[in-house]
C-alpha atoms as a PDB file:
ATOM      1  CA  UNK A   1      -8.956  -8.769 -24.498  1.00  0.00           C
ATOM      2  CA  UNK A   2     -11.716 -10.702 -22.728  1.00  0.00           C
ATOM      3  CA  UNK A   3     -10.235 -13.966 -24.014  1.00  0.00           C
ATOM      4  CA  UNK A   4      -6.736 -13.007 -22.873  1.00  0.00           C
ATOM      5  CA  UNK A   5      -8.001 -11.964 -19.418  1.00  0.00           C
ATOM      6  CA  UNK A   6      -9.960 -15.198 -19.075  1.00  0.00           C
ATOM      7  CA  UNK A   7      -7.042 -17.382 -20.198  1.00  0.00           C
ATOM      8  CA  UNK A   8      -4.524 -15.674 -17.907  1.00  0.00           C
ATOM      9  CA  UNK A   9      -7.015 -15.356 -15.030  1.00  0.00           C
ATOM     10  CA  UNK A  10      -6.607 -11.610 -14.536  1.00  0.00           C
ATOM     11  CA  UNK A  11      -9.207  -8.826 -14.676  1.00  0.00           C
ATOM     12  CA  UNK A  12      -9.154  -6.861 -17.925  1.00  0.00           C
ATOM     13  CA  UNK A  13      -8.195  -3.752 -15.942  1.00  0.00           C
ATOM     14  CA  UNK A  14      -4.877  -5.416 -15.048  1.00  0.00           C
ATOM     15  CA  UNK A  15      -3.665  -5.090 -18.639  1.00  0.00           C
ATOM     16  CA  UNK A  16      -4.343  -1.354 -18.705  1.00  0.00           C
ATOM     17  CA  UNK A  17      -2.327  -0.594 -15.574  1.00  0.00           C
ATOM     18  CA  UNK A  18       1.347   0.290 -15.267  1.00  0.00           C
ATOM     19  CA  UNK A  19       3.840  -2.359 -16.298  1.00  0.00           C
ATOM     20  CA  UNK A  20       4.866  -4.617 -13.424  1.00  0.00           C
ATOM     21  CA  UNK A  21       8.560  -5.296 -13.032  1.00  0.00           C
ATOM     22  CA  UNK A  22       8.775  -9.074 -12.771  1.00  0.00           C
ATOM     23  CA  UNK A  23      11.677 -10.497 -10.722  1.00  0.00           C
ATOM     24  CA  UNK A  24      14.545 -11.838 -12.814  1.00  0.00           C
ATOM     25  CA  UNK A  25      15.401 -15.521 -12.591  1.00  0.00           C
ATOM     26  CA  UNK A  26      18.995 -14.861 -11.519  1.00  0.00           C
ATOM     27  CA  UNK A  27      17.887 -12.748  -8.538  1.00  0.00           C
ATOM     28  CA  UNK A  28      15.560 -15.380  -7.067  1.00  0.00           C
ATOM     29  CA  UNK A  29      16.849 -18.243  -4.938  1.00  0.00           C
ATOM     30  CA  UNK A  30      14.982 -21.261  -6.287  1.00  0.00           C
ATOM     31  CA  UNK A  31      15.864 -24.442  -4.388  1.00  0.00           C
ATOM     32  CA  UNK A  32      16.145 -26.710  -7.411  1.00  0.00           C
ATOM     33  CA  UNK A  33      15.399 -25.500 -10.917  1.00  0.00           C
ATOM     34  CA  UNK A  34      15.716 -29.078 -12.189  1.00  0.00           C
ATOM     35  CA  UNK A  35      12.668 -30.201 -10.157  1.00  0.00           C
ATOM     36  CA  UNK A  36      10.265 -27.616 -11.568  1.00  0.00           C
ATOM     37  CA  UNK A  37       9.035 -26.843 -15.040  1.00  0.00           C
ATOM     38  CA  UNK A  38       9.626 -23.488 -16.690  1.00  0.00           C
ATOM     39  CA  UNK A  39       5.898 -22.805 -16.301  1.00  0.00           C
ATOM     40  CA  UNK A  40       6.049 -23.438 -12.532  1.00  0.00           C
ATOM     41  CA  UNK A  41       9.112 -21.218 -12.233  1.00  0.00           C
ATOM     42  CA  UNK A  42       7.512 -18.392 -14.215  1.00  0.00           C
ATOM     43  CA  UNK A  43       4.249 -18.736 -12.279  1.00  0.00           C
ATOM     44  CA  UNK A  44       6.178 -18.408  -9.003  1.00  0.00           C
ATOM     45  CA  UNK A  45       7.983 -15.313 -10.297  1.00  0.00           C
ATOM     46  CA  UNK A  46       4.672 -13.848 -11.448  1.00  0.00           C
ATOM     47  CA  UNK A  47       3.190 -14.440  -7.998  1.00  0.00           C
ATOM     48  CA  UNK A  48       6.223 -12.726  -6.523  1.00  0.00           C
ATOM     49  CA  UNK A  49       5.637  -9.718  -8.766  1.00  0.00           C
ATOM     50  CA  UNK A  50       2.027  -9.370  -7.598  1.00  0.00           C
ATOM     51  CA  UNK A  51       3.121  -9.823  -3.977  1.00  0.00           C
ATOM     52  CA  UNK A  52       5.601  -6.979  -4.359  1.00  0.00           C
ATOM     53  CA  UNK A  53       2.816  -4.851  -5.844  1.00  0.00           C
ATOM     54  CA  UNK A  54       0.688  -5.647  -2.796  1.00  0.00           C
ATOM     55  CA  UNK A  55       3.617  -4.951  -0.480  1.00  0.00           C
ATOM     56  CA  UNK A  56       4.103  -1.529  -2.069  1.00  0.00           C
ATOM     57  CA  UNK A  57       0.403  -0.769  -1.533  1.00  0.00           C
ATOM     58  CA  UNK A  58       0.691  -1.834   2.127  1.00  0.00           C
ATOM     59  CA  UNK A  59       3.868   0.186   2.754  1.00  0.00           C
ATOM     60  CA  UNK A  60       2.204   3.385   1.574  1.00  0.00           C
ATOM     61  CA  UNK A  61      -0.321   2.927   4.379  1.00  0.00           C
ATOM     62  CA  UNK A  62       1.580   1.230   7.206  1.00  0.00           C
ATOM     63  CA  UNK A  63       4.983   1.601   8.853  1.00  0.00           C
ATOM     64  CA  UNK A  64       6.523  -1.864   8.621  1.00  0.00           C
ATOM     65  CA  UNK A  65       9.688  -2.934  10.464  1.00  0.00           C
ATOM     66  CA  UNK A  66      12.889  -1.760   8.780  1.00  0.00           C
ATOM     67  CA  UNK A  67      15.278  -4.463   7.509  1.00  0.00           C
ATOM     68  CA  UNK A  68      17.943  -5.486  10.041  1.00  0.00           C
ATOM     69  CA  UNK A  69      19.759  -8.263   8.207  1.00  0.00           C
ATOM     70  CA  UNK A  70      23.540  -8.506   8.531  1.00  0.00           C
ATOM     71  CA  UNK A  71      25.457  -8.616   5.247  1.00  0.00           C
ATOM     72  CA  UNK A  72      27.764 -11.590   5.756  1.00  0.00           C
ATOM     73  CA  UNK A  73      28.945 -12.254   2.200  1.00  0.00           C
ATOM     74  CA  UNK A  74      29.996 -15.571   0.754  1.00  0.00           C
ATOM     75  CA  UNK A  75      33.292 -15.648   2.661  1.00  0.00           C
ATOM     76  CA  UNK A  76      31.569 -16.588   5.913  1.00  0.00           C
ATOM     77  CA  UNK A  77      30.951 -20.281   6.507  1.00  0.00           C
ATOM     78  CA  UNK A  78      27.277 -21.240   7.024  1.00  0.00           C
ATOM     79  CA  UNK A  79      27.876 -22.251  10.662  1.00  0.00           C
ATOM     80  CA  UNK A  80      29.717 -18.984  11.391  1.00  0.00           C
ATOM     81  CA  UNK A  81      27.046 -16.952   9.615  1.00  0.00           C
ATOM     82  CA  UNK A  82      24.237 -18.624  11.584  1.00  0.00           C
ATOM     83  CA  UNK A  83      26.060 -17.911  14.845  1.00  0.00           C
ATOM     84  CA  UNK A  84      26.596 -14.283  13.757  1.00  0.00           C
ATOM     85  CA  UNK A  85      22.878 -13.847  13.033  1.00  0.00           C
ATOM     86  CA  UNK A  86      21.983 -15.299  16.430  1.00  0.00           C
ATOM     87  CA  UNK A  87      24.394 -12.872  18.110  1.00  0.00           C
ATOM     88  CA  UNK A  88      23.170  -9.877  16.095  1.00  0.00           C
ATOM     89  CA  UNK A  89      19.549 -10.666  16.916  1.00  0.00           C
ATOM     90  CA  UNK A  90      20.318 -11.656  20.539  1.00  0.00           C
ATOM     91  CA  UNK A  91      18.794 -15.115  20.188  1.00  0.00           C
ATOM     92  CA  UNK A  92      21.370 -16.889  22.318  1.00  0.00           C
ATOM     93  CA  UNK A  93      21.090 -20.669  22.109  1.00  0.00           C
ATOM     94  CA  UNK A  94      17.343 -20.865  22.594  1.00  0.00           C
ATOM     95  CA  UNK A  95      15.020 -22.506  20.044  1.00  0.00           C
ATOM     96  CA  UNK A  96      13.323 -20.099  17.645  1.00  0.00           C
ATOM     97  CA  UNK A  97       9.634 -20.206  18.524  1.00  0.00           C
ATOM     98  CA  UNK A  98       8.308 -18.817  15.251  1.00  0.00           C
ATOM     99  CA  UNK A  99      10.542 -18.392  12.225  1.00  0.00           C
ATOM    100  CA  UNK A 100       8.098 -16.266  10.206  1.00  0.00           C
ATOM    101  CA  UNK A 101       7.521 -13.847  13.080  1.00  0.00           C
ATOM    102  CA  UNK A 102      11.261 -13.561  13.650  1.00  0.00           C
ATOM    103  CA  UNK A 103      11.911 -12.710   9.995  1.00  0.00           C
ATOM    104  CA  UNK A 104       9.144 -10.134   9.954  1.00  0.00           C
ATOM    105  CA  UNK A 105      10.396  -8.493  13.145  1.00  0.00           C
ATOM    106  CA  UNK A 106      13.729  -7.979  11.346  1.00  0.00           C
ATOM    107  CA  UNK A 107      12.137  -6.394   8.298  1.00  0.00           C
ATOM    108  CA  UNK A 108      11.746  -9.372   5.961  1.00  0.00           C
ATOM    109  CA  UNK A 109       8.530  -9.273   3.911  1.00  0.00           C
ATOM    110  CA  UNK A 110       7.047 -12.781   4.043  1.00  0.00           C
ATOM    111  CA  UNK A 111       4.317 -13.905   1.636  1.00  0.00           C
ATOM    112  CA  UNK A 112       2.790 -17.241   0.695  1.00  0.00           C
ATOM    113  CA  UNK A 113       3.237 -18.619  -2.806  1.00  0.00           C
ATOM    114  CA  UNK A 114       0.192 -18.457  -5.039  1.00  0.00           C
ATOM    115  CA  UNK A 115       1.154 -21.640  -6.863  1.00  0.00           C
ATOM    116  CA  UNK A 116      -0.269 -25.134  -6.550  1.00  0.00           C
ATOM    117  CA  UNK A 117       2.998 -27.037  -7.044  1.00  0.00           C
ATOM    118  CA  UNK A 118       4.933 -28.847  -4.345  1.00  0.00           C
ATOM    119  CA  UNK A 119       8.049 -28.786  -6.564  1.00  0.00           C
ATOM    120  CA  UNK A 120       8.507 -25.085  -5.749  1.00  0.00           C
ATOM    121  CA  UNK A 121       9.738 -25.121  -2.145  1.00  0.00           C
ATOM    122  CA  UNK A 122      10.263 -21.416  -1.534  1.00  0.00           C
ATOM    123  CA  UNK A 123      12.370 -18.564  -2.840  1.00  0.00           C
ATOM    124  CA  UNK A 124      13.715 -15.215  -1.699  1.00  0.00           C
ATOM    125  CA  UNK A 125      15.242 -12.061  -3.127  1.00  0.00           C
ATOM    126  CA  UNK A 126      16.297  -8.509  -2.397  1.00  0.00           C
ATOM    127  CA  UNK A 127      14.213  -5.820  -4.088  1.00  0.00           C
ATOM    128  CA  UNK A 128      15.064  -2.125  -3.611  1.00  0.00           C
ATOM    129  CA  UNK A 129      16.715  -2.806  -0.240  1.00  0.00           C
ATOM    130  CA  UNK A 130      13.739  -4.874   0.871  1.00  0.00           C
ATOM    131  CA  UNK A 131      14.235  -8.596   1.594  1.00  0.00           C
ATOM    132  CA  UNK A 132      11.391 -10.865   0.459  1.00  0.00           C
ATOM    133  CA  UNK A 133      10.666 -14.515   1.284  1.00  0.00           C
ATOM    134  CA  UNK A 134       7.942 -16.550  -0.435  1.00  0.00           C
ATOM    135  CA  UNK A 135       6.833 -19.803   1.238  1.00  0.00           C
ATOM    136  CA  UNK A 136       4.894 -22.699  -0.251  1.00  0.00           C
ATOM    137  CA  UNK A 137       2.084 -23.592   2.160  1.00  0.00           C
ATOM    138  CA  UNK A 138       1.714 -27.059   0.611  1.00  0.00           C
ATOM    139  CA  UNK A 139       4.713 -28.138   2.695  1.00  0.00           C
ATOM    140  CA  UNK A 140       4.576 -29.334   6.296  1.00  0.00           C
ATOM    141  CA  UNK A 141       4.970 -26.768   9.071  1.00  0.00           C
ATOM    142  CA  UNK A 142       8.436 -28.128   9.870  1.00  0.00           C
ATOM    143  CA  UNK A 143       9.448 -27.962   6.220  1.00  0.00           C
ATOM    144  CA  UNK A 144       8.147 -24.403   6.059  1.00  0.00           C
ATOM    145  CA  UNK A 145      10.252 -23.365   9.078  1.00  0.00           C
ATOM    146  CA  UNK A 146      13.347 -24.863   7.479  1.00  0.00           C
ATOM    147  CA  UNK A 147      12.522 -23.155   4.170  1.00  0.00           C
ATOM    148  CA  UNK A 148      12.228 -19.802   5.960  1.00  0.00           C
ATOM    149  CA  UNK A 149      15.635 -20.296   7.607  1.00  0.00           C
ATOM    150  CA  UNK A 150      17.096 -21.516   4.308  1.00  0.00           C
ATOM    151  CA  UNK A 151      15.921 -18.385   2.496  1.00  0.00           C
ATOM    152  CA  UNK A 152      17.313 -16.206   5.282  1.00  0.00           C
ATOM    153  CA  UNK A 153      20.641 -17.895   4.563  1.00  0.00           C
ATOM    154  CA  UNK A 154      20.422 -16.764   0.943  1.00  0.00           C
ATOM    155  CA  UNK A 155      19.523 -13.224   1.990  1.00  0.00           C
ATOM    156  CA  UNK A 156      22.502 -12.797   4.327  1.00  0.00           C
ATOM    157  CA  UNK A 157      25.065 -14.897   2.419  1.00  0.00           C
ATOM    158  CA  UNK A 158      24.262 -14.225  -1.238  1.00  0.00           C
ATOM    159  CA  UNK A 159      23.002 -10.662  -1.331  1.00  0.00           C
ATOM    160  CA  UNK A 160      25.667  -9.583  -3.834  1.00  0.00           C
ATOM    161  CA  UNK A 161      25.824 -12.796  -5.861  1.00  0.00           C
ATOM    162  CA  UNK A 162      23.403 -14.975  -7.797  1.00  0.00           C
ATOM    163  CA  UNK A 163      21.716 -17.147  -5.110  1.00  0.00           C
ATOM    164  CA  UNK A 164      21.571 -20.220  -7.318  1.00  0.00           C
ATOM    165  CA  UNK A 165      23.700 -23.281  -7.887  1.00  0.00           C
ATOM    166  CA  UNK A 166      24.565 -26.366  -5.877  1.00  0.00           C
ATOM    167  CA  UNK A 167      27.128 -24.651  -3.644  1.00  0.00           C
ATOM    168  CA  UNK A 168      24.756 -21.805  -2.746  1.00  0.00           C
ATOM    169  CA  UNK A 169      21.997 -24.293  -1.917  1.00  0.00           C
ATOM    170  CA  UNK A 170      24.303 -26.385   0.255  1.00  0.00           C
ATOM    171  CA  UNK A 171      25.419 -23.252   2.107  1.00  0.00           C
ATOM    172  CA  UNK A 172      21.807 -22.151   2.694  1.00  0.00           C
ATOM    173  CA  UNK A 173      20.870 -25.633   3.939  1.00  0.00           C
ATOM    174  CA  UNK A 174      23.817 -25.703   6.336  1.00  0.00           C
ATOM    175  CA  UNK A 175      22.948 -22.185   7.534  1.00  0.00           C
ATOM    176  CA  UNK A 176      19.324 -23.160   8.200  1.00  0.00           C
ATOM    177  CA  UNK A 177      20.357 -26.268  10.113  1.00  0.00           C
ATOM    178  CA  UNK A 178      22.812 -24.307  12.279  1.00  0.00           C
ATOM    179  CA  UNK A 179      20.372 -21.449  12.864  1.00  0.00           C
ATOM    180  CA  UNK A 180      17.467 -23.669  13.910  1.00  0.00           C
ATOM    181  CA  UNK A 181      19.625 -26.180  15.813  1.00  0.00           C
ATOM    182  CA  UNK A 182      22.623 -24.363  17.348  1.00  0.00           C
ATOM    183  CA  UNK A 183      25.445 -26.795  18.164  1.00  0.00           C
ATOM    184  CA  UNK A 184      25.862 -26.123  21.904  1.00  0.00           C
ATOM    185  CA  UNK A 185      22.183 -26.593  22.693  1.00  0.00           C
ATOM    186  CA  UNK A 186      21.812 -29.643  20.471  1.00  0.00           C
ATOM    187  CA  UNK A 187      24.776 -31.292  22.169  1.00  0.00           C
ATOM    188  CA  UNK A 188      23.286 -30.496  25.565  1.00  0.00           C
ATOM    189  CA  UNK A 189      19.966 -32.128  24.630  1.00  0.00           C
ATOM    190  CA  UNK A 190      21.317 -35.039  22.596  1.00  0.00           C
ATOM    191  CA  UNK A 191      20.385 -38.513  23.915  1.00  0.00           C
ATOM    192  CA  UNK A 192      23.098 -41.016  24.723  1.00  0.00           C
ATOM    193  CA  UNK A 193      21.575 -43.458  22.273  1.00  0.00           C
ATOM    194  CA  UNK A 194      19.244 -41.983  19.669  1.00  0.00           C
ATOM    195  CA  UNK A 195      16.029 -43.790  18.806  1.00  0.00           C
ATOM    196  CA  UNK A 196      13.059 -42.686  16.732  1.00  0.00           C
ATOM    197  CA  UNK A 197      11.035 -42.204  19.924  1.00  0.00           C
ATOM    198  CA  UNK A 198      13.497 -39.871  21.662  1.00  0.00           C
ATOM    199  CA  UNK A 199      14.220 -38.046  18.392  1.00  0.00           C
ATOM    200  CA  UNK A 200      10.466 -37.427  18.081  1.00  0.00           C
ATOM    201  CA  UNK A 201      10.605 -35.609  21.410  1.00  0.00           C
ATOM    202  CA  UNK A 202      13.783 -33.763  20.471  1.00  0.00           C
ATOM    203  CA  UNK A 203      12.487 -32.484  17.118  1.00  0.00           C
ATOM    204  CA  UNK A 204       9.669 -30.680  18.931  1.00  0.00           C
ATOM    205  CA  UNK A 205      12.205 -28.685  20.929  1.00  0.00           C
ATOM    206  CA  UNK A 206      13.663 -27.168  17.765  1.00  0.00           C
ATOM    207  CA  UNK A 207      10.563 -27.259  15.557  1.00  0.00           C
ATOM    208  CA  UNK A 208      12.221 -29.221  12.755  1.00  0.00           C
ATOM    209  CA  UNK A 209      11.446 -32.412  10.882  1.00  0.00           C
ATOM    210  CA  UNK A 210      12.508 -35.789  12.194  1.00  0.00           C
ATOM    211  CA  UNK A 211      14.858 -36.198   9.232  1.00  0.00           C
ATOM    212  CA  UNK A 212      16.456 -32.764   9.788  1.00  0.00           C
ATOM    213  CA  UNK A 213      16.990 -33.498  13.484  1.00  0.00           C
ATOM    214  CA  UNK A 214      18.646 -36.808  12.695  1.00  0.00           C
ATOM    215  CA  UNK A 215      20.885 -35.263  10.043  1.00  0.00           C
ATOM    216  CA  UNK A 216      21.957 -32.477  12.420  1.00  0.00           C
ATOM    217  CA  UNK A 217      23.004 -34.978  15.084  1.00  0.00           C
ATOM    218  CA  UNK A 218      25.044 -36.795  12.464  1.00  0.00           C
ATOM    219  CA  UNK A 219      26.743 -33.601  11.237  1.00  0.00           C
ATOM    220  CA  UNK A 220      27.703 -32.761  14.830  1.00  0.00           C
ATOM    221  CA  UNK A 221      29.285 -36.240  15.173  1.00  0.00           C
ATOM    222  CA  UNK A 222      26.677 -37.279  17.710  1.00  0.00           C
ATOM    223  CA  UNK A 223      25.641 -40.200  15.510  1.00  0.00           C
ATOM    224  CA  UNK A 224      27.968 -42.636  13.809  1.00  0.00           C
ATOM    225  CA  UNK A 225      27.590 -43.220  10.100  1.00  0.00           C
ATOM    226  CA  UNK A 226      26.116 -46.666  10.767  1.00  0.00           C
ATOM    227  CA  UNK A 227      23.658 -45.360  13.376  1.00  0.00           C
ATOM    228  CA  UNK A 228      22.600 -42.465  11.131  1.00  0.00           C
ATOM    229  CA  UNK A 229      21.907 -44.772   8.174  1.00  0.00           C
ATOM    230  CA  UNK A 230      19.940 -47.158  10.392  1.00  0.00           C
ATOM    231  CA  UNK A 231      17.738 -44.333  11.687  1.00  0.00           C
ATOM    232  CA  UNK A 232      17.301 -42.879   8.207  1.00  0.00           C
ATOM    233  CA  UNK A 233      16.134 -46.259   6.870  1.00  0.00           C
ATOM    234  CA  UNK A 234      13.648 -46.555   9.731  1.00  0.00           C
ATOM    235  CA  UNK A 235      12.338 -43.019   9.111  1.00  0.00           C
ATOM    236  CA  UNK A 236      11.792 -43.845   5.436  1.00  0.00           C
ATOM    237  CA  UNK A 237      10.231 -47.249   6.089  1.00  0.00           C
ATOM    238  CA  UNK A 238       7.690 -45.744   8.500  1.00  0.00           C
ATOM    239  CA  UNK A 239       6.668 -43.132   5.936  1.00  0.00           C
ATOM    240  CA  UNK A 240       7.979 -40.195   7.964  1.00  0.00           C
ATOM    241  CA  UNK A 241       9.790 -38.699   4.981  1.00  0.00           C
ATOM    242  CA  UNK A 242       6.524 -38.134   3.123  1.00  0.00           C
ATOM    243  CA  UNK A 243       4.305 -37.280   6.103  1.00  0.00           C
ATOM    244  CA  UNK A 244       5.842 -35.614   9.129  1.00  0.00           C
ATOM    245  CA  UNK A 245       4.794 -37.394  12.343  1.00  0.00           C
ATOM    246  CA  UNK A 246       3.083 -35.344  15.055  1.00  0.00           C
ATOM    247  CA  UNK A 247       3.328 -32.187  12.972  1.00  0.00           C
ATOM    248  CA  UNK A 248       3.477 -28.687  14.412  1.00  0.00           C
ATOM    249  CA  UNK A 249       0.956 -25.914  13.621  1.00  0.00           C
ATOM    250  CA  UNK A 250       1.784 -23.898  10.518  1.00  0.00           C
ATOM    251  CA  UNK A 251       3.472 -20.548  10.988  1.00  0.00           C
ATOM    252  CA  UNK A 252       1.829 -17.603   9.244  1.00  0.00           C
ATOM    253  CA  UNK A 253       2.475 -13.896   8.967  1.00  0.00           C
ATOM    254  CA  UNK A 254       2.020 -11.708  12.032  1.00  0.00           C
ATOM    255  CA  UNK A 255       2.502  -8.466  10.089  1.00  0.00           C
ATOM    256  CA  UNK A 256      -0.216  -9.307   7.584  1.00  0.00           C
ATOM    257  CA  UNK A 257      -2.581 -10.278  10.405  1.00  0.00           C
ATOM    258  CA  UNK A 258      -2.104  -6.806  11.904  1.00  0.00           C
ATOM    259  CA  UNK A 259      -2.420  -5.117   8.513  1.00  0.00           C
ATOM    260  CA  UNK A 260      -5.757  -6.726   7.729  1.00  0.00           C
ATOM    261  CA  UNK A 261      -7.040  -6.168  11.264  1.00  0.00           C
ATOM    262  CA  UNK A 262      -6.269  -2.447  10.816  1.00  0.00           C
ATOM    263  CA  UNK A 263      -7.929  -2.409   7.399  1.00  0.00           C
ATOM    264  CA  UNK A 264     -10.994  -4.077   8.882  1.00  0.00           C
ATOM    265  CA  UNK A 265     -11.270  -1.314  11.485  1.00  0.00           C
ATOM    266  CA  UNK A 266     -11.033   1.288   8.719  1.00  0.00           C
ATOM    267  CA  UNK A 267     -13.736  -0.463   6.708  1.00  0.00           C
ATOM    268  CA  UNK A 268     -11.493  -1.347   3.767  1.00  0.00           C
ATOM    269  CA  UNK A 269     -12.753  -4.449   1.977  1.00  0.00           C
ATOM    270  CA  UNK A 270     -10.671  -7.116   0.318  1.00  0.00           C
ATOM    271  CA  UNK A 271     -12.395  -6.283  -2.949  1.00  0.00           C
ATOM    272  CA  UNK A 272     -11.191  -2.685  -2.672  1.00  0.00           C
ATOM    273  CA  UNK A 273      -7.607  -3.831  -2.188  1.00  0.00           C
ATOM    274  CA  UNK A 274      -7.892  -6.160  -5.179  1.00  0.00           C
ATOM    275  CA  UNK A 275      -9.447  -3.415  -7.290  1.00  0.00           C
ATOM    276  CA  UNK A 276      -6.631  -1.014  -6.408  1.00  0.00           C
ATOM    277  CA  UNK A 277      -4.083  -3.616  -7.540  1.00  0.00           C
ATOM    278  CA  UNK A 278      -6.215  -4.672 -10.553  1.00  0.00           C
ATOM    279  CA  UNK A 279      -6.175  -8.339  -9.537  1.00  0.00           C
ATOM    280  CA  UNK A 280      -8.815 -10.830  -8.373  1.00  0.00           C
ATOM    281  CA  UNK A 281      -9.646 -10.970  -4.640  1.00  0.00           C
ATOM    282  CA  UNK A 282      -8.555 -14.618  -4.508  1.00  0.00           C
ATOM    283  CA  UNK A 283      -5.071 -13.552  -5.646  1.00  0.00           C
ATOM    284  CA  UNK A 284      -4.805 -11.539  -2.430  1.00  0.00           C
ATOM    285  CA  UNK A 285      -5.801 -14.580  -0.356  1.00  0.00           C
ATOM    286  CA  UNK A 286      -3.194 -16.785  -2.010  1.00  0.00           C
ATOM    287  CA  UNK A 287      -0.375 -14.356  -1.215  1.00  0.00           C
ATOM    288  CA  UNK A 288      -1.215 -13.624   2.426  1.00  0.00           C
ATOM    289  CA  UNK A 289      -1.713 -17.131   3.877  1.00  0.00           C
ATOM    290  CA  UNK A 290      -5.477 -16.715   3.408  1.00  0.00           C
ATOM    291  CA  UNK A 291      -5.600 -14.056   6.125  1.00  0.00           C
ATOM    292  CA  UNK A 292      -7.532 -11.558   4.010  1.00  0.00           C
ATOM    293  CA  UNK A 293     -10.373 -14.045   3.593  1.00  0.00           C
ATOM    294  CA  UNK A 294     -11.348 -13.898   7.262  1.00  0.00           C
ATOM    295  CA  UNK A 295     -10.234 -10.345   7.986  1.00  0.00           C
ATOM    296  CA  UNK A 296     -11.879  -8.394   5.186  1.00  0.00           C
ATOM    297  CA  UNK A 297     -14.833 -10.293   3.735  1.00  0.00           C
ATOM    298  CA  UNK A 298     -18.137  -8.543   4.255  1.00  0.00           C
ATOM    299  CA  UNK A 299     -16.701  -5.368   5.778  1.00  0.00           C
ATOM    300  CA  UNK A 300     -18.587  -2.265   4.613  1.00  0.00           C
ATOM    301  CA  UNK A 301     -16.695   0.599   3.057  1.00  0.00           C
ATOM    302  CA  UNK A 302     -17.024   3.200   5.796  1.00  0.00           C
ATOM    303  CA  UNK A 303     -13.448   4.143   6.571  1.00  0.00           C
ATOM    304  CA  UNK A 304     -12.094   7.682   6.458  1.00  0.00           C
ATOM    305  CA  UNK A 305      -9.232   7.674   3.909  1.00  0.00           C
ATOM    306  CA  UNK A 306      -7.995  11.042   5.160  1.00  0.00           C
ATOM    307  CA  UNK A 307      -6.769   9.644   8.456  1.00  0.00           C
ATOM    308  CA  UNK A 308      -3.000   9.221   8.902  1.00  0.00           C
ATOM    309  CA  UNK A 309      -1.652   5.760   8.214  1.00  0.00           C
ATOM    310  CA  UNK A 310      -1.632   3.612  11.345  1.00  0.00           C
ATOM    311  CA  UNK A 311       1.758   2.628  12.757  1.00  0.00           C
ATOM    312  CA  UNK A 312       2.593  -1.077  12.574  1.00  0.00           C
ATOM    313  CA  UNK A 313       5.594  -2.064  14.622  1.00  0.00           C
ATOM    314  CA  UNK A 314       6.744  -5.445  15.952  1.00  0.00           C
ATOM    315  CA  UNK A 315       8.245  -4.974  19.388  1.00  0.00           C
ATOM    316  CA  UNK A 316       9.466  -8.545  19.695  1.00  0.00           C
ATOM    317  CA  UNK A 317       9.455 -11.731  17.639  1.00  0.00           C
ATOM    318  CA  UNK A 318       7.925 -13.461  20.660  1.00  0.00           C
ATOM    319  CA  UNK A 319       4.792 -11.220  20.767  1.00  0.00           C
END
């Protein structure tokens, strides 16, 4: 048992706990199964299982926002679905300031991926009427925002169907592009003649990558095919495909920040949380954007467990 625990990097107590229901492959929206190995895929699913275990522990102690995601089905086009989500959430045509905070305010449980592999972009799933999104923090902040919007597309478009396959991925990409860069506003801001310099300024308005901004202008017929290809070649030649220029700060969970702040006040240590879940403390860090590391380390165990669970409610995604 000691050898097994050491090889799999879990405490021995983990193997004596209740069986954990691991997410099935056909319920998770992996961006491209061909880019990752089976080991990377299974590791991501295993991380998702532990995250759901942690989420269950949190929800027994805190009142998290209830899910408010429209069920749009696969009949809706990605552009129409993105517009419907903006109407339902009263976003208008304004840029989305923080994609993670917006998702959490609408009841999506957002966790970071405990996997050191850039091939795994992100994935999402529904689990017992709870929507989950898992983001890979190895990506740029702009890539992470697009991944979050992409996974939202899967959650609202493919809730009753397997969220995999080329068509589903194309739909989720188109949804994310339309959600982050609504057509009316993009047209209003579009330069008469696009250059890398003015696109650099424009991408900051919407919080997207330079490549995504350029592609969106092309899809809205604001760039000719020739002009789009010329800009794309310049973006690649300047290395902006691999390293995003003038990157934005990374978006992290607001809900988890509030959870661990509340736990700190109650004197609950990170080690106690890990012990309750029968995992290592570092596994908690890897799933919560590292927030537990600064919020719980070194806090004495002095909290009164008999107190009622504190309410945790997001009033606005802009808080």
